Amino acid sequence: MAKVKKKLTAAQKKAKAERQKKYMWVFMNGKQVRVKRPEMIDGIPKDEWIEQNASPIWLHQNEMWDVLDARESLEQNESEDING
């Protein structure tokens, strides 16, 4: 005879929902592992959001020169395309 599943209480359902928001399952080395979800801002990963919206001054203060360099090279390429 099969076991009867117990229904979760409201508190258990709430705890489960919070866990699902905080963690996700991925496969590493052939095993399923629970890892923290990346932080999101407006549905975009935090790092991408910062790259798109941060001012050059803020990026410099927080030592994110790689992002600054990428922006400068992108601007140079766009100006070369416009100028011919």
N, C-alpha and C. Protein backbone atom coordinates (compact mmCIF):
# COMPACT_ATOMS: atom_id res chain seq x y z
N MET A 1 0.82 -1.17 0.00
CA MET A 1 0.00 0.00 0.00
C MET A 1 0.87 1.25 0.00
N ALA A 2 0.51 2.21 -0.79
CA ALA A 2 1.30 3.44 -0.92
C ALA A 2 1.08 4.35 0.27
N LYS A 3 2.14 5.09 0.60
CA LYS A 3 2.05 6.05 1.70
C LYS A 3 1.21 7.24 1.27
N VAL A 4 0.45 7.77 2.18
CA VAL A 4 -0.35 8.95 1.91
C VAL A 4 0.53 10.17 2.19
N LYS A 5 0.61 11.08 1.20
CA LYS A 5 1.43 12.28 1.38
C LYS A 5 0.72 13.24 2.31
N LYS A 6 1.50 13.83 3.20
CA LYS A 6 0.93 14.85 4.09
C LYS A 6 0.98 16.18 3.38
N LYS A 7 -0.05 16.98 3.55
CA LYS A 7 -0.07 18.31 2.96
C LYS A 7 0.77 19.24 3.82
N LEU A 8 1.43 20.19 3.14
CA LEU A 8 2.26 21.16 3.86
C LEU A 8 1.38 22.20 4.55
N THR A 9 1.84 22.66 5.70
CA THR A 9 1.13 23.73 6.39
C THR A 9 1.44 25.04 5.70
N ALA A 10 0.72 26.09 6.05
CA ALA A 10 0.94 27.40 5.45
C ALA A 10 2.36 27.89 5.71
N ALA A 11 2.87 27.67 6.91
CA ALA A 11 4.23 28.10 7.26
C ALA A 11 5.26 27.33 6.44
N GLN A 12 5.03 26.04 6.23
CA GLN A 12 5.96 25.23 5.45
C GLN A 12 5.94 25.65 3.98
N LYS A 13 4.76 25.97 3.46
CA LYS A 13 4.66 26.44 2.08
C LYS A 13 5.41 27.75 1.90
N LYS A 14 5.27 28.65 2.87
CA LYS A 14 5.94 29.94 2.81
C LYS A 14 7.45 29.76 2.85
N ALA A 15 7.93 28.88 3.73
CA ALA A 15 9.36 28.61 3.84
C ALA A 15 9.91 28.01 2.54
N LYS A 16 9.14 27.13 1.94
CA LYS A 16 9.55 26.50 0.69
C LYS A 16 9.65 27.53 -0.43
N ALA A 17 8.68 28.44 -0.50
CA ALA A 17 8.68 29.48 -1.53
C ALA A 17 9.89 30.40 -1.36
N GLU A 18 10.21 30.76 -0.12
CA GLU A 18 11.37 31.62 0.14
C GLU A 18 12.66 30.91 -0.25
N ARG A 19 12.76 29.62 0.04
CA ARG A 19 13.95 28.85 -0.34
C ARG A 19 14.11 28.81 -1.86
N GLN A 20 12.99 28.65 -2.57
CA GLN A 20 13.05 28.59 -4.03
C GLN A 20 13.49 29.92 -4.61
N LYS A 21 13.12 31.04 -3.96
CA LYS A 21 13.55 32.35 -4.43
C LYS A 21 15.04 32.56 -4.17
N LYS A 22 15.55 31.98 -3.10
CA LYS A 22 16.93 32.22 -2.68
C LYS A 22 17.92 31.29 -3.38
N TYR A 23 17.52 30.03 -3.65
CA TYR A 23 18.43 29.04 -4.21
C TYR A 23 17.90 28.48 -5.52
N MET A 24 18.81 27.91 -6.31
CA MET A 24 18.41 27.20 -7.53
C MET A 24 19.26 25.93 -7.63
N TRP A 25 18.78 24.97 -8.40
CA TRP A 25 19.48 23.71 -8.57
C TRP A 25 20.24 23.72 -9.88
N VAL A 26 21.50 23.30 -9.85
CA VAL A 26 22.33 23.18 -11.05
C VAL A 26 23.07 21.85 -10.98
N PHE A 27 23.62 21.42 -12.12
CA PHE A 27 24.42 20.21 -12.16
C PHE A 27 25.89 20.58 -12.17
N MET A 28 26.66 20.01 -11.22
CA MET A 28 28.11 20.19 -11.16
C MET A 28 28.74 18.81 -11.05
N ASN A 29 29.63 18.50 -11.97
CA ASN A 29 30.31 17.21 -11.97
C ASN A 29 29.33 16.04 -11.94
N GLY A 30 28.23 16.18 -12.65
CA GLY A 30 27.26 15.10 -12.74
C GLY A 30 26.35 14.96 -11.54
N LYS A 31 26.43 15.90 -10.62
CA LYS A 31 25.57 15.84 -9.44
C LYS A 31 24.72 17.09 -9.37
N GLN A 32 23.54 16.94 -8.80
CA GLN A 32 22.65 18.08 -8.65
C GLN A 32 22.99 18.79 -7.35
N VAL A 33 23.24 20.11 -7.46
CA VAL A 33 23.70 20.88 -6.31
C VAL A 33 22.84 22.14 -6.19
N ARG A 34 22.56 22.53 -4.95
CA ARG A 34 21.80 23.75 -4.70
C ARG A 34 22.78 24.90 -4.51
N VAL A 35 22.61 25.98 -5.29
CA VAL A 35 23.46 27.17 -5.19
C VAL A 35 22.58 28.41 -5.04
N LYS A 36 23.16 29.48 -4.50
CA LYS A 36 22.41 30.72 -4.36
C LYS A 36 22.14 31.32 -5.72
N ARG A 37 20.98 31.89 -5.88
CA ARG A 37 20.65 32.57 -7.13
C ARG A 37 21.43 33.88 -7.22
N PRO A 38 21.78 34.32 -8.43
CA PRO A 38 22.47 35.61 -8.55
C PRO A 38 21.49 36.74 -8.20
N GLU A 39 22.04 37.81 -7.63
CA GLU A 39 21.21 38.95 -7.27
C GLU A 39 20.68 39.61 -8.54
N MET A 40 19.41 39.98 -8.52
CA MET A 40 18.77 40.59 -9.68
C MET A 40 18.25 41.97 -9.33
N ILE A 41 18.34 42.88 -10.30
CA ILE A 41 17.75 44.21 -10.19
C ILE A 41 16.91 44.40 -11.44
N ASP A 42 15.64 44.60 -11.29
CA ASP A 42 14.71 44.75 -12.41
C ASP A 42 14.80 43.59 -13.39
N GLY A 43 15.04 42.38 -12.88
CA GLY A 43 15.10 41.20 -13.72
C GLY A 43 16.42 41.03 -14.46
N ILE A 44 17.41 41.86 -14.18
CA ILE A 44 18.72 41.79 -14.81
C ILE A 44 19.74 41.44 -13.73
N PRO A 45 20.72 40.59 -14.02
CA PRO A 45 21.75 40.32 -13.02
C PRO A 45 22.42 41.62 -12.56
N LYS A 46 22.81 41.64 -11.29
CA LYS A 46 23.34 42.85 -10.67
C LYS A 46 24.53 43.43 -11.44
N ASP A 47 25.45 42.59 -11.89
CA ASP A 47 26.64 43.07 -12.59
C ASP A 47 26.29 43.74 -13.91
N GLU A 48 25.38 43.16 -14.67
CA GLU A 48 24.96 43.76 -15.94
C GLU A 48 24.26 45.09 -15.70
N TRP A 49 23.43 45.16 -14.66
CA TRP A 49 22.71 46.39 -14.36
C TRP A 49 23.70 47.51 -14.04
N ILE A 50 24.72 47.19 -13.26
CA ILE A 50 25.74 48.18 -12.91
C ILE A 50 26.47 48.64 -14.16
N GLU A 51 26.84 47.72 -15.04
CA GLU A 51 27.53 48.07 -16.27
C GLU A 51 26.70 49.01 -17.13
N GLN A 52 25.40 48.82 -17.16
CA GLN A 52 24.54 49.63 -18.01
C GLN A 52 24.23 51.00 -17.40
N ASN A 53 24.09 51.07 -16.06
CA ASN A 53 23.54 52.26 -15.44
C ASN A 53 24.49 53.09 -14.60
N ALA A 54 25.67 52.59 -14.27
CA ALA A 54 26.56 53.31 -13.38
C ALA A 54 27.26 54.45 -14.11
N SER A 55 27.49 55.54 -13.39
CA SER A 55 28.21 56.67 -13.97
C SER A 55 29.71 56.36 -13.96
N PRO A 56 30.46 57.01 -14.84
CA PRO A 56 31.91 56.78 -14.88
C PRO A 56 32.59 57.11 -13.54
N ILE A 57 32.10 58.10 -12.84
CA ILE A 57 32.68 58.47 -11.55
C ILE A 57 32.50 57.33 -10.55
N TRP A 58 31.29 56.76 -10.49
CA TRP A 58 31.02 55.67 -9.57
C TRP A 58 31.89 54.46 -9.91
N LEU A 59 32.01 54.15 -11.21
CA LEU A 59 32.83 53.01 -11.62
C LEU A 59 34.28 53.22 -11.21
N HIS A 60 34.78 54.45 -11.35
CA HIS A 60 36.16 54.74 -10.98
C HIS A 60 36.34 54.61 -9.46
N GLN A 61 35.40 55.12 -8.68
CA GLN A 61 35.49 55.06 -7.23
C GLN A 61 35.47 53.61 -6.74
N ASN A 62 34.77 52.75 -7.44
CA ASN A 62 34.66 51.34 -7.04
C ASN A 62 35.63 50.44 -7.80
N GLU A 63 36.62 51.05 -8.44
CA GLU A 63 37.72 50.34 -9.11
C GLU A 63 37.23 49.35 -10.15
N MET A 64 36.26 49.75 -10.95
CA MET A 64 35.75 48.90 -12.02
C MET A 64 36.26 49.43 -13.36
N TRP A 65 37.59 49.46 -13.48
CA TRP A 65 38.20 50.04 -14.66
C TRP A 65 37.98 49.20 -15.90
N ASP A 66 37.79 47.90 -15.76
CA ASP A 66 37.54 47.06 -16.92
C ASP A 66 36.25 47.47 -17.62
N VAL A 67 35.24 47.86 -16.85
CA VAL A 67 33.98 48.31 -17.43
C VAL A 67 34.18 49.66 -18.11
N LEU A 68 34.96 50.53 -17.48
CA LEU A 68 35.26 51.84 -18.08
C LEU A 68 36.00 51.66 -19.40
N ASP A 69 36.99 50.78 -19.43
CA ASP A 69 37.75 50.54 -20.65
C ASP A 69 36.85 50.00 -21.76
N ALA A 70 35.95 49.10 -21.40
CA ALA A 70 35.03 48.53 -22.39
C ALA A 70 34.12 49.61 -22.96
N ARG A 71 33.65 50.50 -22.10
CA ARG A 71 32.79 51.60 -22.57
C ARG A 71 33.56 52.52 -23.52
N GLU A 72 34.80 52.86 -23.16
CA GLU A 72 35.60 53.75 -23.99
C GLU A 72 35.87 53.13 -25.36
N SER A 73 36.21 51.85 -25.39
CA SER A 73 36.48 51.21 -26.68
C SER A 73 35.20 51.13 -27.52
N LEU A 74 34.07 50.91 -26.88
CA LEU A 74 32.80 50.88 -27.60
C LEU A 74 32.48 52.24 -28.19
N GLU A 75 32.72 53.30 -27.40
CA GLU A 75 32.47 54.66 -27.90
C GLU A 75 33.40 55.00 -29.05
N GLN A 76 34.65 54.57 -28.98
CA GLN A 76 35.60 54.83 -30.06
C GLN A 76 35.17 54.11 -31.33
N ASN A 77 34.72 52.87 -31.20
CA ASN A 77 34.26 52.13 -32.38
C ASN A 77 33.05 52.78 -33.01
N GLU A 78 32.13 53.27 -32.19
CA GLU A 78 30.94 53.93 -32.73
C GLU A 78 31.30 55.22 -33.43
N SER A 79 32.24 55.99 -32.86
CA SER A 79 32.63 57.25 -33.50
C SER A 79 33.36 56.99 -34.81
N GLU A 80 34.15 55.91 -34.89
CA GLU A 80 34.84 55.58 -36.14
C GLU A 80 33.83 55.16 -37.20
N ASP A 81 32.79 54.43 -36.81
CA ASP A 81 31.77 54.01 -37.76
C ASP A 81 31.00 55.21 -38.31
N ILE A 82 30.74 56.19 -37.46
CA ILE A 82 29.99 57.38 -37.89
C ILE A 82 30.84 58.24 -38.81
N ASN A 83 32.12 58.40 -38.47
CA ASN A 83 33.01 59.28 -39.23
C ASN A 83 33.49 58.62 -40.52
N GLY A 84 33.38 57.38 -40.64
CA GLY A 84 33.68 56.75 -41.91
C GLY A 84 34.82 55.87 -41.84
